[in-house]
């Protein structure tokens, strides 16, 4: 889906600010540190349980913990949340005041 090494190189070489933080583009604000770290993690730990290709550019200290590409938290926490919510009962839709769920016919007289 993307070039793992190129994305990591861009983040590690172009997005680091000497004063701290990560930028989405050189010369921009520090707002994107979270997104850069998420992208770096996904680029390092690309794949799923069946097809996983890990690639760490540079030294081992560059390694980040895996992050879920959609939820941006550890995959184990995503699995726990999904399991929790699957155990909950499905709520019934709220009824509008004055309506009856059993009344499906309309009198047009």
PDB file of N, CA and C in Angstrom:
ATOM      1  N   UNK A   1       0.821  -1.199   0.000  1.00  0.00           N
ATOM      2  CA  UNK A   1       0.000   0.000   0.000  1.00  0.00           C
ATOM      3  C   UNK A   1       0.863   1.259   0.000  1.00  0.00           C
ATOM      4  N   UNK A   2       2.043   1.183   0.593  1.00  0.00           N
ATOM      5  CA  UNK A   2       2.954   2.322   0.614  1.00  0.00           C
ATOM      6  C   UNK A   2       4.365   1.795   0.809  1.00  0.00           C
ATOM      7  N   UNK A   3       5.328   2.625   0.547  1.00  0.00           N
ATOM      8  CA  UNK A   3       6.728   2.256   0.694  1.00  0.00           C
ATOM      9  C   UNK A   3       7.154   2.456   2.145  1.00  0.00           C
ATOM     10  N   UNK A   4       7.281   1.367   2.875  1.00  0.00           N
ATOM     11  CA  UNK A   4       7.595   1.439   4.302  1.00  0.00           C
ATOM     12  C   UNK A   4       8.873   2.227   4.575  1.00  0.00           C
ATOM     13  N   UNK A   5       9.916   1.935   3.846  1.00  0.00           N
ATOM     14  CA  UNK A   5      11.199   2.572   4.097  1.00  0.00           C
ATOM     15  C   UNK A   5      11.144   4.059   3.763  1.00  0.00           C
ATOM     16  N   UNK A   6      10.532   4.418   2.648  1.00  0.00           N
ATOM     17  CA  UNK A   6      10.474   5.827   2.242  1.00  0.00           C
ATOM     18  C   UNK A   6       9.707   6.680   3.249  1.00  0.00           C
ATOM     19  N   UNK A   7       8.587   6.155   3.752  1.00  0.00           N
ATOM     20  CA  UNK A   7       7.810   6.913   4.735  1.00  0.00           C
ATOM     21  C   UNK A   7       8.611   7.116   6.013  1.00  0.00           C
ATOM     22  N   UNK A   8       9.273   6.074   6.478  1.00  0.00           N
ATOM     23  CA  UNK A   8      10.086   6.197   7.685  1.00  0.00           C
ATOM     24  C   UNK A   8      11.231   7.184   7.481  1.00  0.00           C
ATOM     25  N   UNK A   9      11.899   7.099   6.335  1.00  0.00           N
ATOM     26  CA  UNK A   9      13.010   8.018   6.061  1.00  0.00           C
ATOM     27  C   UNK A   9      12.529   9.462   6.031  1.00  0.00           C
ATOM     28  N   UNK A  10      11.383   9.714   5.407  1.00  0.00           N
ATOM     29  CA  UNK A  10      10.848  11.072   5.349  1.00  0.00           C
ATOM     30  C   UNK A  10      10.567  11.607   6.755  1.00  0.00           C
ATOM     31  N   UNK A  11       9.899  10.792   7.570  1.00  0.00           N
ATOM     32  CA  UNK A  11       9.567  11.237   8.925  1.00  0.00           C
ATOM     33  C   UNK A  11      10.838  11.449   9.749  1.00  0.00           C
ATOM     34  N   UNK A  12      11.751  10.480   9.701  1.00  0.00           N
ATOM     35  CA  UNK A  12      12.955  10.571  10.526  1.00  0.00           C
ATOM     36  C   UNK A  12      13.929  11.652  10.057  1.00  0.00           C
ATOM     37  N   UNK A  13      14.005  11.889   8.751  1.00  0.00           N
ATOM     38  CA  UNK A  13      14.985  12.833   8.228  1.00  0.00           C
ATOM     39  C   UNK A  13      14.427  14.231   7.970  1.00  0.00           C
ATOM     40  N   UNK A  14      13.199  14.319   7.555  1.00  0.00           N
ATOM     41  CA  UNK A  14      12.642  15.619   7.146  1.00  0.00           C
ATOM     42  C   UNK A  14      11.697  16.246   8.172  1.00  0.00           C
ATOM     43  N   UNK A  15      11.087  15.447   9.005  1.00  0.00           N
ATOM     44  CA  UNK A  15      10.033  15.976   9.868  1.00  0.00           C
ATOM     45  C   UNK A  15      10.476  16.283  11.296  1.00  0.00           C
ATOM     46  N   UNK A  16      11.684  15.914  11.671  1.00  0.00           N
ATOM     47  CA  UNK A  16      12.126  16.201  13.031  1.00  0.00           C
ATOM     48  C   UNK A  16      12.602  17.644  13.136  1.00  0.00           C
ATOM     49  N   UNK A  17      12.143  18.298  14.186  1.00  0.00           N
ATOM     50  CA  UNK A  17      12.574  19.671  14.443  1.00  0.00           C
ATOM     51  C   UNK A  17      13.664  19.629  15.507  1.00  0.00           C
ATOM     52  N   UNK A  18      14.764  20.328  15.303  1.00  0.00           N
ATOM     53  CA  UNK A  18      15.839  20.316  16.304  1.00  0.00           C
ATOM     54  C   UNK A  18      15.372  20.775  17.690  1.00  0.00           C
ATOM     55  N   UNK A  19      14.347  21.607  17.751  1.00  0.00           N
ATOM     56  CA  UNK A  19      13.821  22.093  19.037  1.00  0.00           C
ATOM     57  C   UNK A  19      12.873  21.088  19.675  1.00  0.00           C
ATOM     58  N   UNK A  20      12.541  20.006  18.968  1.00  0.00           N
ATOM     59  CA  UNK A  20      11.627  18.983  19.468  1.00  0.00           C
ATOM     60  C   UNK A  20      10.355  18.929  18.654  1.00  0.00           C
ATOM     61  N   UNK A  21       9.746  17.789  18.627  1.00  0.00           N
ATOM     62  CA  UNK A  21       8.494  17.609  17.900  1.00  0.00           C
ATOM     63  C   UNK A  21       8.719  17.149  16.483  1.00  0.00           C
ATOM     64  N   UNK A  22       7.642  16.747  15.861  1.00  0.00           N
ATOM     65  CA  UNK A  22       7.663  16.301  14.472  1.00  0.00           C
ATOM     66  C   UNK A  22       6.678  17.150  13.679  1.00  0.00           C
ATOM     67  N   UNK A  23       7.030  17.456  12.464  1.00  0.00           N
ATOM     68  CA  UNK A  23       6.221  18.311  11.600  1.00  0.00           C
ATOM     69  C   UNK A  23       5.689  17.491  10.430  1.00  0.00           C
ATOM     70  N   UNK A  24       4.551  17.880   9.860  1.00  0.00           N
ATOM     71  CA  UNK A  24       4.070  17.162   8.683  1.00  0.00           C
ATOM     72  C   UNK A  24       4.874  17.555   7.444  1.00  0.00           C
ATOM     73  N   UNK A  25       5.344  18.786   7.416  1.00  0.00           N
ATOM     74  CA  UNK A  25       6.197  19.288   6.338  1.00  0.00           C
ATOM     75  C   UNK A  25       7.231  20.194   6.984  1.00  0.00           C
ATOM     76  N   UNK A  26       8.441  20.192   6.475  1.00  0.00           N
ATOM     77  CA  UNK A  26       9.438  21.087   7.059  1.00  0.00           C
ATOM     78  C   UNK A  26       8.935  22.534   7.094  1.00  0.00           C
ATOM     79  N   UNK A  27       9.142  23.185   8.231  1.00  0.00           N
ATOM     80  CA  UNK A  27       8.745  24.578   8.375  1.00  0.00           C
ATOM     81  C   UNK A  27       7.337  24.793   8.884  1.00  0.00           C
ATOM     82  N   UNK A  28       6.591  23.741   9.144  1.00  0.00           N
ATOM     83  CA  UNK A  28       5.213  23.869   9.633  1.00  0.00           C
ATOM     84  C   UNK A  28       5.162  23.721  11.150  1.00  0.00           C
ATOM     85  N   UNK A  29       3.944  23.716  11.718  1.00  0.00           N
ATOM     86  CA  UNK A  29       3.780  23.691  13.173  1.00  0.00           C
ATOM     87  C   UNK A  29       3.974  22.301  13.770  1.00  0.00           C
ATOM     88  N   UNK A  30       3.912  22.211  15.100  1.00  0.00           N
ATOM     89  CA  UNK A  30       4.155  20.965  15.824  1.00  0.00           C
ATOM     90  C   UNK A  30       2.889  20.143  16.038  1.00  0.00           C
ATOM     91  N   UNK A  31       1.788  20.577  15.516  1.00  0.00           N
ATOM     92  CA  UNK A  31       0.507  19.905  15.705  1.00  0.00           C
ATOM     93  C   UNK A  31       0.559  18.452  15.233  1.00  0.00           C
ATOM     94  N   UNK A  32       1.398  18.182  14.279  1.00  0.00           N
ATOM     95  CA  UNK A  32       1.367  16.878  13.618  1.00  0.00           C
ATOM     96  C   UNK A  32       2.274  15.821  14.248  1.00  0.00           C
ATOM     97  N   UNK A  33       2.832  16.075  15.430  1.00  0.00           N
ATOM     98  CA  UNK A  33       3.700  15.090  16.067  1.00  0.00           C
ATOM     99  C   UNK A  33       2.980  13.756  16.241  1.00  0.00           C
ATOM    100  N   UNK A  34       1.749  13.797  16.718  1.00  0.00           N
ATOM    101  CA  UNK A  34       0.983  12.560  16.920  1.00  0.00           C
ATOM    102  C   UNK A  34       0.803  11.813  15.599  1.00  0.00           C
ATOM    103  N   UNK A  35       0.464  12.531  14.533  1.00  0.00           N
ATOM    104  CA  UNK A  35       0.239  11.887  13.243  1.00  0.00           C
ATOM    105  C   UNK A  35       1.526  11.316  12.667  1.00  0.00           C
ATOM    106  N   UNK A  36       2.629  12.022  12.854  1.00  0.00           N
ATOM    107  CA  UNK A  36       3.918  11.505  12.377  1.00  0.00           C
ATOM    108  C   UNK A  36       4.287  10.222  13.112  1.00  0.00           C
ATOM    109  N   UNK A  37       4.099  10.209  14.427  1.00  0.00           N
ATOM    110  CA  UNK A  37       4.415   9.010  15.197  1.00  0.00           C
ATOM    111  C   UNK A  37       3.505   7.847  14.797  1.00  0.00           C
ATOM    112  N   UNK A  38       2.250   8.138  14.535  1.00  0.00           N
ATOM    113  CA  UNK A  38       1.318   7.091  14.100  1.00  0.00           C
ATOM    114  C   UNK A  38       1.747   6.524  12.750  1.00  0.00           C
ATOM    115  N   UNK A  39       2.080   7.416  11.832  1.00  0.00           N
ATOM    116  CA  UNK A  39       2.530   6.970  10.511  1.00  0.00           C
ATOM    117  C   UNK A  39       3.819   6.181  10.587  1.00  0.00           C
ATOM    118  N   UNK A  40       4.738   6.610  11.443  1.00  0.00           N
ATOM    119  CA  UNK A  40       5.996   5.897  11.612  1.00  0.00           C
ATOM    120  C   UNK A  40       5.741   4.500  12.169  1.00  0.00           C
ATOM    121  N   UNK A  41       4.861   4.388  13.148  1.00  0.00           N
ATOM    122  CA  UNK A  41       4.534   3.089  13.720  1.00  0.00           C
ATOM    123  C   UNK A  41       3.909   2.159  12.679  1.00  0.00           C
ATOM    124  N   UNK A  42       2.962   2.672  11.922  1.00  0.00           N
ATOM    125  CA  UNK A  42       2.314   1.848  10.897  1.00  0.00           C
ATOM    126  C   UNK A  42       3.333   1.437   9.833  1.00  0.00           C
ATOM    127  N   UNK A  43       4.236   2.341   9.475  1.00  0.00           N
ATOM    128  CA  UNK A  43       5.261   2.013   8.486  1.00  0.00           C
ATOM    129  C   UNK A  43       6.240   0.963   9.009  1.00  0.00           C
ATOM    130  N   UNK A  44       6.470   0.932  10.312  1.00  0.00           N
ATOM    131  CA  UNK A  44       7.368  -0.063  10.890  1.00  0.00           C
ATOM    132  C   UNK A  44       6.699  -1.422  11.024  1.00  0.00           C
ATOM    133  N   UNK A  45       5.426  -1.429  11.348  1.00  0.00           N
ATOM    134  CA  UNK A  45       4.719  -2.677  11.665  1.00  0.00           C
ATOM    135  C   UNK A  45       3.575  -2.908  10.682  1.00  0.00           C
ATOM    136  N   UNK A  46       3.856  -2.837   9.408  1.00  0.00           N
ATOM    137  CA  UNK A  46       2.814  -2.947   8.387  1.00  0.00           C
ATOM    138  C   UNK A  46       2.319  -4.379   8.266  1.00  0.00           C
ATOM    139  N   UNK A  47       1.017  -4.534   8.164  1.00  0.00           N
ATOM    140  CA  UNK A  47       0.438  -5.841   7.911  1.00  0.00           C
ATOM    141  C   UNK A  47      -0.550  -6.245   8.982  1.00  0.00           C
ATOM    142  N   UNK A  48      -0.947  -7.499   8.927  1.00  0.00           N
ATOM    143  CA  UNK A  48      -1.865  -8.046   9.923  1.00  0.00           C
ATOM    144  C   UNK A  48      -1.275  -9.335  10.481  1.00  0.00           C
ATOM    145  N   UNK A  49      -2.057 -10.091  11.204  1.00  0.00           N
ATOM    146  CA  UNK A  49      -1.546 -11.301  11.843  1.00  0.00           C
ATOM    147  C   UNK A  49      -1.060 -12.332  10.820  1.00  0.00           C
ATOM    148  N   UNK A  50      -1.704 -12.402   9.647  1.00  0.00           N
ATOM    149  CA  UNK A  50      -1.332 -13.393   8.634  1.00  0.00           C
ATOM    150  C   UNK A  50      -0.167 -12.921   7.766  1.00  0.00           C
ATOM    151  N   UNK A  51      -0.142 -11.642   7.471  1.00  0.00           N
ATOM    152  CA  UNK A  51       0.887 -11.086   6.596  1.00  0.00           C
ATOM    153  C   UNK A  51       1.477  -9.870   7.295  1.00  0.00           C
ATOM    154  N   UNK A  52       2.625 -10.065   7.920  1.00  0.00           N
ATOM    155  CA  UNK A  52       3.220  -8.987   8.705  1.00  0.00           C
ATOM    156  C   UNK A  52       4.648  -8.783   8.231  1.00  0.00           C
ATOM    157  N   UNK A  53       4.945  -7.566   7.836  1.00  0.00           N
ATOM    158  CA  UNK A  53       6.299  -7.246   7.388  1.00  0.00           C
ATOM    159  C   UNK A  53       6.817  -6.084   8.215  1.00  0.00           C
ATOM    160  N   UNK A  54       7.695  -6.396   9.164  1.00  0.00           N
ATOM    161  CA  UNK A  54       8.256  -5.357  10.025  1.00  0.00           C
ATOM    162  C   UNK A  54       9.555  -4.844   9.412  1.00  0.00           C
ATOM    163  N   UNK A  55       9.694  -3.535   9.394  1.00  0.00           N
ATOM    164  CA  UNK A  55      10.895  -2.903   8.865  1.00  0.00           C
ATOM    165  C   UNK A  55      11.192  -1.675   9.713  1.00  0.00           C
ATOM    166  N   UNK A  56      12.354  -1.664  10.347  1.00  0.00           N
ATOM    167  CA  UNK A  56      12.771  -0.530  11.170  1.00  0.00           C
ATOM    168  C   UNK A  56      13.941   0.143  10.474  1.00  0.00           C
ATOM    169  N   UNK A  57      13.765   1.391  10.071  1.00  0.00           N
ATOM    170  CA  UNK A  57      14.837   2.141   9.420  1.00  0.00           C
ATOM    171  C   UNK A  57      15.744   2.720  10.510  1.00  0.00           C
ATOM    172  N   UNK A  58      17.043   2.574  10.314  1.00  0.00           N
ATOM    173  CA  UNK A  58      17.997   3.131  11.268  1.00  0.00           C
ATOM    174  C   UNK A  58      18.221   2.220  12.452  1.00  0.00           C
ATOM    175  N   UNK A  59      18.537   2.827  13.578  1.00  0.00           N
ATOM    176  CA  UNK A  59      18.869   2.083  14.792  1.00  0.00           C
ATOM    177  C   UNK A  59      17.625   1.512  15.464  1.00  0.00           C
ATOM    178  N   UNK A  60      17.856   0.534  16.303  1.00  0.00           N
ATOM    179  CA  UNK A  60      16.770  -0.122  17.040  1.00  0.00           C
ATOM    180  C   UNK A  60      16.006   0.865  17.912  1.00  0.00           C
ATOM    181  N   UNK A  61      16.644   1.925  18.367  1.00  0.00           N
ATOM    182  CA  UNK A  61      15.958   2.916  19.204  1.00  0.00           C
ATOM    183  C   UNK A  61      14.883   3.683  18.430  1.00  0.00           C
ATOM    184  N   UNK A  62      14.844   3.538  17.121  1.00  0.00           N
ATOM    185  CA  UNK A  62      13.782   4.141  16.308  1.00  0.00           C
ATOM    186  C   UNK A  62      12.481   3.353  16.394  1.00  0.00           C
ATOM    187  N   UNK A  63      12.530   2.137  16.907  1.00  0.00           N
ATOM    188  CA  UNK A  63      11.351   1.265  16.959  1.00  0.00           C
ATOM    189  C   UNK A  63      10.273   1.868  17.861  1.00  0.00           C
ATOM    190  N   UNK A  64       9.055   1.875  17.346  1.00  0.00           N
ATOM    191  CA  UNK A  64       7.888   2.302  18.114  1.00  0.00           C
ATOM    192  C   UNK A  64       6.998   1.095  18.370  1.00  0.00           C
ATOM    193  N   UNK A  65       6.158   1.193  19.357  1.00  0.00           N
ATOM    194  CA  UNK A  65       5.162   0.149  19.597  1.00  0.00           C
ATOM    195  C   UNK A  65       4.176   0.155  18.429  1.00  0.00           C
ATOM    196  N   UNK A  66       3.631  -1.005  18.074  1.00  0.00           N
ATOM    197  CA  UNK A  66       2.619  -1.032  17.009  1.00  0.00           C
ATOM    198  C   UNK A  66       1.415  -0.175  17.376  1.00  0.00           C
ATOM    199  N   UNK A  67       0.830   0.441  16.379  1.00  0.00           N
ATOM    200  CA  UNK A  67      -0.348   1.291  16.560  1.00  0.00           C
ATOM    201  C   UNK A  67      -1.386   0.891  15.521  1.00  0.00           C
ATOM    202  N   UNK A  68      -2.640   0.792  15.942  1.00  0.00           N
ATOM    203  CA  UNK A  68      -3.715   0.452  15.010  1.00  0.00           C
ATOM    204  C   UNK A  68      -3.884   1.603  14.018  1.00  0.00           C
ATOM    205  N   UNK A  69      -3.905   1.328  12.721  1.00  0.00           N
ATOM    206  CA  UNK A  69      -3.958   2.404  11.730  1.00  0.00           C
ATOM    207  C   UNK A  69      -5.257   3.210  11.710  1.00  0.00           C
ATOM    208  N   UNK A  70      -6.326   2.683  12.259  1.00  0.00           N
ATOM    209  CA  UNK A  70      -7.595   3.408  12.275  1.00  0.00           C
ATOM    210  C   UNK A  70      -7.817   4.116  13.612  1.00  0.00           C
ATOM    211  N   UNK A  71      -7.591   3.408  14.691  1.00  0.00           N
ATOM    212  CA  UNK A  71      -7.906   3.947  16.014  1.00  0.00           C
ATOM    213  C   UNK A  71      -6.732   4.633  16.701  1.00  0.00           C
ATOM    214  N   UNK A  72      -5.533   4.431  16.199  1.00  0.00           N
ATOM    215  CA  UNK A  72      -4.326   5.077  16.721  1.00  0.00           C
ATOM    216  C   UNK A  72      -4.065   4.744  18.191  1.00  0.00           C
ATOM    217  N   UNK A  73      -4.334   3.501  18.559  1.00  0.00           N
ATOM    218  CA  UNK A  73      -3.982   2.975  19.880  1.00  0.00           C
ATOM    219  C   UNK A  73      -3.405   1.577  19.669  1.00  0.00           C
ATOM    220  N   UNK A  74      -2.856   0.990  20.721  1.00  0.00           N
ATOM    221  CA  UNK A  74      -2.263  -0.347  20.614  1.00  0.00           C
ATOM    222  C   UNK A  74      -3.302  -1.350  20.108  1.00  0.00           C
ATOM    223  N   UNK A  75      -2.912  -2.236  19.197  1.00  0.00           N
ATOM    224  CA  UNK A  75      -3.868  -3.225  18.677  1.00  0.00           C
ATOM    225  C   UNK A  75      -4.525  -4.060  19.773  1.00  0.00           C
ATOM    226  N   UNK A  76      -3.795  -4.354  20.854  1.00  0.00           N
ATOM    227  CA  UNK A  76      -4.383  -5.135  21.949  1.00  0.00           C
ATOM    228  C   UNK A  76      -5.551  -4.386  22.584  1.00  0.00           C
ATOM    229  N   UNK A  77      -5.425  -3.071  22.713  1.00  0.00           N
ATOM    230  CA  UNK A  77      -6.508  -2.260  23.301  1.00  0.00           C
ATOM    231  C   UNK A  77      -7.715  -2.231  22.374  1.00  0.00           C
ATOM    232  N   UNK A  78      -7.475  -2.211  21.069  1.00  0.00           N
ATOM    233  CA  UNK A  78      -8.583  -2.256  20.101  1.00  0.00           C
ATOM    234  C   UNK A  78      -9.326  -3.580  20.250  1.00  0.00           C
ATOM    235  N   UNK A  79      -8.582  -4.676  20.349  1.00  0.00           N
ATOM    236  CA  UNK A  79      -9.213  -5.993  20.508  1.00  0.00           C
ATOM    237  C   UNK A  79     -10.030  -6.059  21.797  1.00  0.00           C
ATOM    238  N   UNK A  80      -9.500  -5.498  22.887  1.00  0.00           N
ATOM    239  CA  UNK A  80     -10.229  -5.480  24.155  1.00  0.00           C
ATOM    240  C   UNK A  80     -11.509  -4.657  24.038  1.00  0.00           C
ATOM    241  N   UNK A  81     -11.438  -3.511  23.376  1.00  0.00           N
ATOM    242  CA  UNK A  81     -12.621  -2.655  23.218  1.00  0.00           C
ATOM    243  C   UNK A  81     -13.685  -3.351  22.377  1.00  0.00           C
ATOM    244  N   UNK A  82     -13.268  -3.973  21.284  1.00  0.00           N
ATOM    245  CA  UNK A  82     -14.222  -4.679  20.417  1.00  0.00           C
ATOM    246  C   UNK A  82     -14.885  -5.813  21.189  1.00  0.00           C
ATOM    247  N   UNK A  83     -14.087  -6.570  21.931  1.00  0.00           N
ATOM    248  CA  UNK A  83     -14.641  -7.664  22.728  1.00  0.00           C
ATOM    249  C   UNK A  83     -15.643  -7.132  23.756  1.00  0.00           C
ATOM    250  N   UNK A  84     -15.303  -6.040  24.415  1.00  0.00           N
ATOM    251  CA  UNK A  84     -16.199  -5.440  25.412  1.00  0.00           C
ATOM    252  C   UNK A  84     -17.535  -5.050  24.782  1.00  0.00           C
ATOM    253  N   UNK A  85     -17.486  -4.336  23.671  1.00  0.00           N
ATOM    254  CA  UNK A  85     -18.723  -3.842  23.068  1.00  0.00           C
ATOM    255  C   UNK A  85     -19.542  -4.949  22.415  1.00  0.00           C
ATOM    256  N   UNK A  86     -18.899  -6.030  21.986  1.00  0.00           N
ATOM    257  CA  UNK A  86     -19.653  -7.154  21.428  1.00  0.00           C
ATOM    258  C   UNK A  86     -20.424  -7.896  22.507  1.00  0.00           C
ATOM    259  N   UNK A  87     -20.018  -7.763  23.756  1.00  0.00           N
ATOM    260  CA  UNK A  87     -20.708  -8.427  24.855  1.00  0.00           C
ATOM    261  C   UNK A  87     -21.922  -7.647  25.343  1.00  0.00           C
ATOM    262  N   UNK A  88     -22.021  -6.391  24.970  1.00  0.00           N
ATOM    263  CA  UNK A  88     -23.140  -5.560  25.410  1.00  0.00           C
ATOM    264  C   UNK A  88     -24.382  -5.851  24.571  1.00  0.00           C
ATOM    265  N   UNK A  89     -25.559  -5.717  25.165  1.00  0.00           N
ATOM    266  CA  UNK A  89     -26.783  -5.906  24.380  1.00  0.00           C
ATOM    267  C   UNK A  89     -26.954  -4.762  23.381  1.00  0.00           C
ATOM    268  N   UNK A  90     -27.583  -5.073  22.271  1.00  0.00           N
ATOM    269  CA  UNK A  90     -27.858  -4.054  21.262  1.00  0.00           C
ATOM    270  C   UNK A  90     -29.038  -3.224  21.754  1.00  0.00           C
ATOM    271  N   UNK A  91     -28.867  -1.898  21.860  1.00  0.00           N
ATOM    272  CA  UNK A  91     -29.980  -1.073  22.357  1.00  0.00           C
ATOM    273  C   UNK A  91     -31.108  -0.993  21.333  1.00  0.00           C
ATOM    274  N   UNK A  92     -32.321  -0.907  21.849  1.00  0.00           N
ATOM    275  CA  UNK A  92     -33.490  -0.743  20.980  1.00  0.00           C
ATOM    276  C   UNK A  92     -33.565   0.711  20.527  1.00  0.00           C
ATOM    277  N   UNK A  93     -34.068   0.942  19.317  1.00  0.00           N
ATOM    278  CA  UNK A  93     -34.192   2.332  18.865  1.00  0.00           C
ATOM    279  C   UNK A  93     -35.183   3.095  19.736  1.00  0.00           C
ATOM    280  N   UNK A  94     -34.901   4.348  19.969  1.00  0.00           N
ATOM    281  CA  UNK A  94     -35.791   5.193  20.769  1.00  0.00           C
ATOM    282  C   UNK A  94     -37.062   5.479  19.983  1.00  0.00           C
ATOM    283  N   UNK A  95     -38.196   5.462  20.678  1.00  0.00           N
ATOM    284  CA  UNK A  95     -39.474   5.772  20.034  1.00  0.00           C
ATOM    285  C   UNK A  95     -39.800   7.237  20.243  1.00  0.00           C
ATOM    286  N   UNK A  96     -40.382   7.846  19.217  1.00  0.00           N
ATOM    287  CA  UNK A  96     -40.821   9.232  19.346  1.00  0.00           C
ATOM    288  C   UNK A  96     -42.073   9.276  20.202  1.00  0.00           C
ATOM    289  N   UNK A  97     -42.194  10.339  20.960  1.00  0.00           N
ATOM    290  CA  UNK A  97     -43.355  10.500  21.831  1.00  0.00           C
ATOM    291  C   UNK A  97     -44.628  10.526  20.992  1.00  0.00           C
ATOM    292  N   UNK A  98     -45.621   9.764  21.416  1.00  0.00           N
ATOM    293  CA  UNK A  98     -46.901   9.741  20.720  1.00  0.00           C
ATOM    294  C   UNK A  98     -46.971   8.701  19.619  1.00  0.00           C
ATOM    295  N   UNK A  99     -45.887   8.010  19.318  1.00  0.00           N
ATOM    296  CA  UNK A  99     -45.932   6.991  18.269  1.00  0.00           C
ATOM    297  C   UNK A  99     -45.973   5.619  18.913  1.00  0.00           C
ATOM    298  N   UNK A 100     -46.490   4.684  18.191  1.00  0.00           N
ATOM    299  CA  UNK A 100     -46.585   3.315  18.693  1.00  0.00           C
ATOM    300  C   UNK A 100     -45.802   2.413  17.757  1.00  0.00           C
ATOM    301  N   UNK A 101     -44.961   1.584  18.316  1.00  0.00           N
ATOM    302  CA  UNK A 101     -44.156   0.668  17.508  1.00  0.00           C
ATOM    303  C   UNK A 101     -45.036  -0.401  16.865  1.00  0.00           C
ATOM    304  N   UNK A 102     -46.202  -0.681  17.483  1.00  0.00           N
ATOM    305  CA  UNK A 102     -47.082  -1.721  16.954  1.00  0.00           C
ATOM    306  C   UNK A 102     -48.012  -1.194  15.872  1.00  0.00           C
ATOM    307  N   UNK A 103     -48.246   0.101  15.808  1.00  0.00           N
ATOM    308  CA  UNK A 103     -49.165   0.673  14.835  1.00  0.00           C
ATOM    309  C   UNK A 103     -48.437   0.905  13.517  1.00  0.00           C
ATOM    310  N   UNK A 104     -48.640  -0.026  12.567  1.00  0.00           N
ATOM    311  CA  UNK A 104     -47.943   0.072  11.294  1.00  0.00           C
ATOM    312  C   UNK A 104     -48.882   0.505  10.160  1.00  0.00           C
ATOM    313  N   UNK A 105     -50.167   0.639  10.446  1.00  0.00           N
ATOM    314  CA  UNK A 105     -51.094   1.074   9.398  1.00  0.00           C
ATOM    315  C   UNK A 105     -51.476   2.522   9.617  1.00  0.00           C
ATOM    316  N   UNK A 106     -51.850   3.171   8.553  1.00  0.00           N
ATOM    317  CA  UNK A 106     -52.244   4.577   8.616  1.00  0.00           C
ATOM    318  C   UNK A 106     -53.685   4.698   8.126  1.00  0.00           C
ATOM    319  N   UNK A 107     -54.516   5.424   8.865  1.00  0.00           N
ATOM    320  CA  UNK A 107     -55.915   5.656   8.477  1.00  0.00           C
ATOM    321  C   UNK A 107     -55.955   6.921   7.644  1.00  0.00           C
ATOM    322  N   UNK A 108     -56.328   6.814   6.370  1.00  0.00           N
ATOM    323  CA  UNK A 108     -56.370   7.968   5.478  1.00  0.00           C
ATOM    324  C   UNK A 108     -57.797   8.476   5.270  1.00  0.00           C
ATOM    325  N   UNK A 109     -58.723   8.195   6.187  1.00  0.00           N
ATOM    326  CA  UNK A 109     -60.110   8.634   5.980  1.00  0.00           C
ATOM    327  C   UNK A 109     -60.355  10.054   6.424  1.00  0.00           C
TER     328      UNK A 109
END
